[in-house]
Amino acid sequence: MVKRLYRSKKNKIIGGVCGGIAEYLEVDPVIVRLLWVIASLAWGAGIFAYLIAWIIMPEKPRRA
């Protein structure tokens, strides 16, 4: 079975990007969200990267 990266429907706060990454990596979504916030505050490009990821990552289909 091929592992695919999707935006999460169940671990969703804003767009489901961090939840989708957490599901893909099989880690807690809180860890991914914290790392994303730290990266955003440290380098400033995190918000832009989140928006890009939100646009290019497909939402998880019902059967996947």
PDB file of N, CA and C in Angstrom:
ATOM      1  N   MET A   1       0.839  -1.180   0.000  1.00  0.00           N
ATOM      2  CA  MET A   1       0.000   0.000   0.000  1.00  0.00           C
ATOM      3  C   MET A   1       0.889   1.250   0.000  1.00  0.00           C
ATOM      4  N   VAL A   2       0.579   2.175  -0.878  1.00  0.00           N
ATOM      5  CA  VAL A   2       1.350   3.409  -1.004  1.00  0.00           C
ATOM      6  C   VAL A   2       0.829   4.423   0.009  1.00  0.00           C
ATOM      7  N   LYS A   3       1.756   5.010   0.727  1.00  0.00           N
ATOM      8  CA  LYS A   3       1.420   6.016   1.728  1.00  0.00           C
ATOM      9  C   LYS A   3       1.339   7.373   1.042  1.00  0.00           C
ATOM     10  N   ARG A   4       0.218   8.104   1.209  1.00  0.00           N
ATOM     11  CA  ARG A   4       0.023   9.391   0.552  1.00  0.00           C
ATOM     12  C   ARG A   4      -0.182  10.477   1.586  1.00  0.00           C
ATOM     13  N   LEU A   5       0.221  11.677   1.237  1.00  0.00           N
ATOM     14  CA  LEU A   5       0.091  12.831   2.112  1.00  0.00           C
ATOM     15  C   LEU A   5      -1.178  13.596   1.750  1.00  0.00           C
ATOM     16  N   TYR A   6      -2.087  13.702   2.711  1.00  0.00           N
ATOM     17  CA  TYR A   6      -3.345  14.418   2.531  1.00  0.00           C
ATOM     18  C   TYR A   6      -3.546  15.378   3.693  1.00  0.00           C
ATOM     19  N   ARG A   7      -4.392  16.393   3.476  1.00  0.00           N
ATOM     20  CA  ARG A   7      -4.844  17.223   4.590  1.00  0.00           C
ATOM     21  C   ARG A   7      -5.830  16.397   5.402  1.00  0.00           C
ATOM     22  N   SER A   8      -5.746  16.526   6.702  1.00  0.00           N
ATOM     23  CA  SER A   8      -6.583  15.737   7.594  1.00  0.00           C
ATOM     24  C   SER A   8      -7.976  16.338   7.715  1.00  0.00           C
ATOM     25  N   LYS A   9      -8.970  15.468   7.841  1.00  0.00           N
ATOM     26  CA  LYS A   9     -10.339  15.909   8.108  1.00  0.00           C
ATOM     27  C   LYS A   9     -10.655  15.835   9.594  1.00  0.00           C
ATOM     28  N   LYS A  10     -10.008  14.902  10.311  1.00  0.00           N
ATOM     29  CA  LYS A  10     -10.343  14.732  11.725  1.00  0.00           C
ATOM     30  C   LYS A  10      -9.410  15.508  12.660  1.00  0.00           C
ATOM     31  N   ASN A  11      -8.153  15.720  12.254  1.00  0.00           N
ATOM     32  CA  ASN A  11      -7.198  16.485  13.064  1.00  0.00           C
ATOM     33  C   ASN A  11      -7.018  17.865  12.454  1.00  0.00           C
ATOM     34  N   LYS A  12      -8.115  18.572  12.319  1.00  0.00           N
ATOM     35  CA  LYS A  12      -8.128  19.839  11.594  1.00  0.00           C
ATOM     36  C   LYS A  12      -8.397  20.985  12.553  1.00  0.00           C
ATOM     37  N   ILE A  13      -7.543  22.013  12.516  1.00  0.00           N
ATOM     38  CA  ILE A  13      -7.808  23.229  13.274  1.00  0.00           C
ATOM     39  C   ILE A  13      -8.083  24.362  12.291  1.00  0.00           C
ATOM     40  N   ILE A  14      -7.164  24.599  11.358  1.00  0.00           N
ATOM     41  CA  ILE A  14      -7.398  25.626  10.337  1.00  0.00           C
ATOM     42  C   ILE A  14      -7.631  24.953   8.988  1.00  0.00           C
ATOM     43  N   GLY A  15      -6.594  24.361   8.433  1.00  0.00           N
ATOM     44  CA  GLY A  15      -6.722  23.765   7.106  1.00  0.00           C
ATOM     45  C   GLY A  15      -6.470  22.273   7.074  1.00  0.00           C
ATOM     46  N   GLY A  16      -6.007  21.702   8.179  1.00  0.00           N
ATOM     47  CA  GLY A  16      -5.730  20.274   8.236  1.00  0.00           C
ATOM     48  C   GLY A  16      -4.332  19.898   7.771  1.00  0.00           C
ATOM     49  N   VAL A  17      -3.486  20.897   7.511  1.00  0.00           N
ATOM     50  CA  VAL A  17      -2.135  20.618   7.007  1.00  0.00           C
ATOM     51  C   VAL A  17      -1.292  19.917   8.068  1.00  0.00           C
ATOM     52  N   CYS A  18      -1.208  20.471   9.255  1.00  0.00           N
ATOM     53  CA  CYS A  18      -0.396  19.862  10.326  1.00  0.00           C
ATOM     54  C   CYS A  18      -0.957  18.500  10.724  1.00  0.00           C
ATOM     55  N   GLY A  19      -2.268  18.374  10.776  1.00  0.00           N
ATOM     56  CA  GLY A  19      -2.878  17.084  11.089  1.00  0.00           C
ATOM     57  C   GLY A  19      -2.565  16.046  10.032  1.00  0.00           C
ATOM     58  N   GLY A  20      -2.564  16.452   8.773  1.00  0.00           N
ATOM     59  CA  GLY A  20      -2.230  15.542   7.686  1.00  0.00           C
ATOM     60  C   GLY A  20      -0.780  15.102   7.727  1.00  0.00           C
ATOM     61  N   ILE A  21       0.111  16.037   8.024  1.00  0.00           N
ATOM     62  CA  ILE A  21       1.526  15.699   8.141  1.00  0.00           C
ATOM     63  C   ILE A  21       1.730  14.747   9.323  1.00  0.00           C
ATOM     64  N   ALA A  22       1.039  14.998  10.422  1.00  0.00           N
ATOM     65  CA  ALA A  22       1.153  14.127  11.595  1.00  0.00           C
ATOM     66  C   ALA A  22       0.638  12.720  11.294  1.00  0.00           C
ATOM     67  N   GLU A  23      -0.463  12.616  10.578  1.00  0.00           N
ATOM     68  CA  GLU A  23      -0.977  11.295  10.205  1.00  0.00           C
ATOM     69  C   GLU A  23       0.004  10.574   9.288  1.00  0.00           C
ATOM     70  N   TYR A  24       0.621  11.304   8.371  1.00  0.00           N
ATOM     71  CA  TYR A  24       1.582  10.714   7.441  1.00  0.00           C
ATOM     72  C   TYR A  24       2.819  10.197   8.184  1.00  0.00           C
ATOM     73  N   LEU A  25       3.298  10.990   9.141  1.00  0.00           N
ATOM     74  CA  LEU A  25       4.485  10.610   9.909  1.00  0.00           C
ATOM     75  C   LEU A  25       4.174   9.730  11.109  1.00  0.00           C
ATOM     76  N   GLU A  26       2.876   9.537  11.392  1.00  0.00           N
ATOM     77  CA  GLU A  26       2.404   8.728  12.515  1.00  0.00           C
ATOM     78  C   GLU A  26       2.915   9.267  13.848  1.00  0.00           C
ATOM     79  N   VAL A  27       2.748  10.577  14.042  1.00  0.00           N
ATOM     80  CA  VAL A  27       3.093  11.236  15.298  1.00  0.00           C
ATOM     81  C   VAL A  27       1.884  12.035  15.773  1.00  0.00           C
ATOM     82  N   ASP A  28       1.979  12.559  16.981  1.00  0.00           N
ATOM     83  CA  ASP A  28       0.907  13.362  17.547  1.00  0.00           C
ATOM     84  C   ASP A  28       0.825  14.706  16.809  1.00  0.00           C
ATOM     85  N   PRO A  29      -0.381  15.133  16.403  1.00  0.00           N
ATOM     86  CA  PRO A  29      -0.518  16.403  15.683  1.00  0.00           C
ATOM     87  C   PRO A  29      -0.045  17.612  16.478  1.00  0.00           C
ATOM     88  N   VAL A  30      -0.105  17.544  17.797  1.00  0.00           N
ATOM     89  CA  VAL A  30       0.340  18.663  18.628  1.00  0.00           C
ATOM     90  C   VAL A  30       1.833  18.928  18.411  1.00  0.00           C
ATOM     91  N   ILE A  31       2.608  17.871  18.247  1.00  0.00           N
ATOM     92  CA  ILE A  31       4.049  18.018  18.017  1.00  0.00           C
ATOM     93  C   ILE A  31       4.302  18.746  16.703  1.00  0.00           C
ATOM     94  N   VAL A  32       3.591  18.358  15.659  1.00  0.00           N
ATOM     95  CA  VAL A  32       3.769  19.005  14.357  1.00  0.00           C
ATOM     96  C   VAL A  32       3.342  20.473  14.436  1.00  0.00           C
ATOM     97  N   ARG A  33       2.246  20.743  15.118  1.00  0.00           N
ATOM     98  CA  ARG A  33       1.777  22.127  15.247  1.00  0.00           C
ATOM     99  C   ARG A  33       2.779  22.983  16.016  1.00  0.00           C
ATOM    100  N   LEU A  34       3.339  22.443  17.094  1.00  0.00           N
ATOM    101  CA  LEU A  34       4.339  23.188  17.861  1.00  0.00           C
ATOM    102  C   LEU A  34       5.585  23.473  17.033  1.00  0.00           C
ATOM    103  N   LEU A  35       6.051  22.478  16.295  1.00  0.00           N
ATOM    104  CA  LEU A  35       7.220  22.680  15.443  1.00  0.00           C
ATOM    105  C   LEU A  35       6.934  23.723  14.368  1.00  0.00           C
ATOM    106  N   TRP A  36       5.716  23.716  13.829  1.00  0.00           N
ATOM    107  CA  TRP A  36       5.349  24.682  12.797  1.00  0.00           C
ATOM    108  C   TRP A  36       5.307  26.097  13.369  1.00  0.00           C
ATOM    109  N   VAL A  37       4.770  26.248  14.582  1.00  0.00           N
ATOM    110  CA  VAL A  37       4.725  27.568  15.217  1.00  0.00           C
ATOM    111  C   VAL A  37       6.135  28.063  15.529  1.00  0.00           C
ATOM    112  N   ILE A  38       6.981  27.184  16.048  1.00  0.00           N
ATOM    113  CA  ILE A  38       8.363  27.568  16.349  1.00  0.00           C
ATOM    114  C   ILE A  38       9.077  27.990  15.067  1.00  0.00           C
ATOM    115  N   ALA A  39       8.895  27.246  13.989  1.00  0.00           N
ATOM    116  CA  ALA A  39       9.521  27.599  12.714  1.00  0.00           C
ATOM    117  C   ALA A  39       8.985  28.929  12.193  1.00  0.00           C
ATOM    118  N   SER A  40       7.709  29.171  12.390  1.00  0.00           N
ATOM    119  CA  SER A  40       7.109  30.431  11.936  1.00  0.00           C
ATOM    120  C   SER A  40       7.673  31.616  12.700  1.00  0.00           C
ATOM    121  N   LEU A  41       7.843  31.453  13.997  1.00  0.00           N
ATOM    122  CA  LEU A  41       8.364  32.539  14.812  1.00  0.00           C
ATOM    123  C   LEU A  41       9.863  32.746  14.585  1.00  0.00           C
ATOM    124  N   ALA A  42      10.591  31.668  14.356  1.00  0.00           N
ATOM    125  CA  ALA A  42      12.035  31.764  14.208  1.00  0.00           C
ATOM    126  C   ALA A  42      12.445  32.301  12.836  1.00  0.00           C
ATOM    127  N   TRP A  43      11.825  31.809  11.785  1.00  0.00           N
ATOM    128  CA  TRP A  43      12.243  32.183  10.440  1.00  0.00           C
ATOM    129  C   TRP A  43      11.213  33.028   9.701  1.00  0.00           C
ATOM    130  N   GLY A  44       9.983  33.053  10.157  1.00  0.00           N
ATOM    131  CA  GLY A  44       8.974  33.920   9.573  1.00  0.00           C
ATOM    132  C   GLY A  44       8.305  33.427   8.308  1.00  0.00           C
ATOM    133  N   ALA A  45       8.790  32.375   7.696  1.00  0.00           N
ATOM    134  CA  ALA A  45       8.203  31.886   6.452  1.00  0.00           C
ATOM    135  C   ALA A  45       7.163  30.797   6.688  1.00  0.00           C
ATOM    136  N   GLY A  46       6.925  30.445   7.935  1.00  0.00           N
ATOM    137  CA  GLY A  46       6.005  29.350   8.249  1.00  0.00           C
ATOM    138  C   GLY A  46       4.576  29.611   7.822  1.00  0.00           C
ATOM    139  N   ILE A  47       4.122  30.835   7.960  1.00  0.00           N
ATOM    140  CA  ILE A  47       2.742  31.162   7.571  1.00  0.00           C
ATOM    141  C   ILE A  47       2.588  31.042   6.064  1.00  0.00           C
ATOM    142  N   PHE A  48       3.558  31.560   5.332  1.00  0.00           N
ATOM    143  CA  PHE A  48       3.538  31.444   3.872  1.00  0.00           C
ATOM    144  C   PHE A  48       3.600  29.977   3.451  1.00  0.00           C
ATOM    145  N   ALA A  49       4.470  29.200   4.096  1.00  0.00           N
ATOM    146  CA  ALA A  49       4.605  27.771   3.783  1.00  0.00           C
ATOM    147  C   ALA A  49       3.311  27.022   4.093  1.00  0.00           C
ATOM    148  N   TYR A  50       2.629  27.402   5.181  1.00  0.00           N
ATOM    149  CA  TYR A  50       1.359  26.765   5.530  1.00  0.00           C
ATOM    150  C   TYR A  50       0.315  27.024   4.447  1.00  0.00           C
ATOM    151  N   LEU A  51       0.244  28.260   3.985  1.00  0.00           N
ATOM    152  CA  LEU A  51      -0.726  28.605   2.940  1.00  0.00           C
ATOM    153  C   LEU A  51      -0.440  27.848   1.647  1.00  0.00           C
ATOM    154  N   ILE A  52       0.827  27.742   1.290  1.00  0.00           N
ATOM    155  CA  ILE A  52       1.194  26.982   0.091  1.00  0.00           C
ATOM    156  C   ILE A  52       0.824  25.507   0.257  1.00  0.00           C
ATOM    157  N   ALA A  53       1.135  24.947   1.429  1.00  0.00           N
ATOM    158  CA  ALA A  53       0.801  23.541   1.691  1.00  0.00           C
ATOM    159  C   ALA A  53      -0.707  23.329   1.661  1.00  0.00           C
ATOM    160  N   TRP A  54      -1.464  24.292   2.181  1.00  0.00           N
ATOM    161  CA  TRP A  54      -2.920  24.208   2.191  1.00  0.00           C
ATOM    162  C   TRP A  54      -3.457  24.160   0.759  1.00  0.00           C
ATOM    163  N   ILE A  55      -2.835  24.897  -0.128  1.00  0.00           N
ATOM    164  CA  ILE A  55      -3.279  24.945  -1.517  1.00  0.00           C
ATOM    165  C   ILE A  55      -2.906  23.672  -2.275  1.00  0.00           C
ATOM    166  N   ILE A  56      -1.679  23.175  -2.085  1.00  0.00           N
ATOM    167  CA  ILE A  56      -1.219  22.056  -2.917  1.00  0.00           C
ATOM    168  C   ILE A  56      -1.551  20.675  -2.356  1.00  0.00           C
ATOM    169  N   MET A  57      -1.789  20.565  -1.040  1.00  0.00           N
ATOM    170  CA  MET A  57      -2.114  19.250  -0.465  1.00  0.00           C
ATOM    171  C   MET A  57      -3.591  18.943  -0.688  1.00  0.00           C
ATOM    172  N   PRO A  58      -3.902  17.790  -1.289  1.00  0.00           N
ATOM    173  CA  PRO A  58      -5.311  17.439  -1.480  1.00  0.00           C
ATOM    174  C   PRO A  58      -5.940  17.013  -0.159  1.00  0.00           C
ATOM    175  N   GLU A  59      -7.246  17.218  -0.056  1.00  0.00           N
ATOM    176  CA  GLU A  59      -7.967  16.762   1.129  1.00  0.00           C
ATOM    177  C   GLU A  59      -8.142  15.258   1.039  1.00  0.00           C
ATOM    178  N   LYS A  60      -8.113  14.613   2.185  1.00  0.00           N
ATOM    179  CA  LYS A  60      -8.199  13.149   2.218  1.00  0.00           C
ATOM    180  C   LYS A  60      -9.558  12.706   1.672  1.00  0.00           C
ATOM    181  N   PRO A  61      -9.541  11.799   0.679  1.00  0.00           N
ATOM    182  CA  PRO A  61     -10.818  11.307   0.155  1.00  0.00           C
ATOM    183  C   PRO A  61     -11.523  10.425   1.185  1.00  0.00           C
ATOM    184  N   ARG A  62     -12.771  10.196   0.984  1.00  0.00           N
ATOM    185  CA  ARG A  62     -13.570   9.422   1.950  1.00  0.00           C
ATOM    186  C   ARG A  62     -13.074   7.996   2.131  1.00  0.00           C
ATOM    187  N   ARG A  63     -12.574   7.376   1.083  1.00  0.00           N
ATOM    188  CA  ARG A  63     -12.178   5.967   1.165  1.00  0.00           C
ATOM    189  C   ARG A  63     -10.710   5.744   1.455  1.00  0.00           C
ATOM    190  N   ALA A  64      -9.892   6.780   1.488  1.00  0.00           N
ATOM    191  CA  ALA A  64      -8.440   6.607   1.707  1.00  0.00           C
ATOM    192  C   ALA A  64      -8.093   6.547   3.167  1.00  0.00           C
TER     193      ALA A  64
END
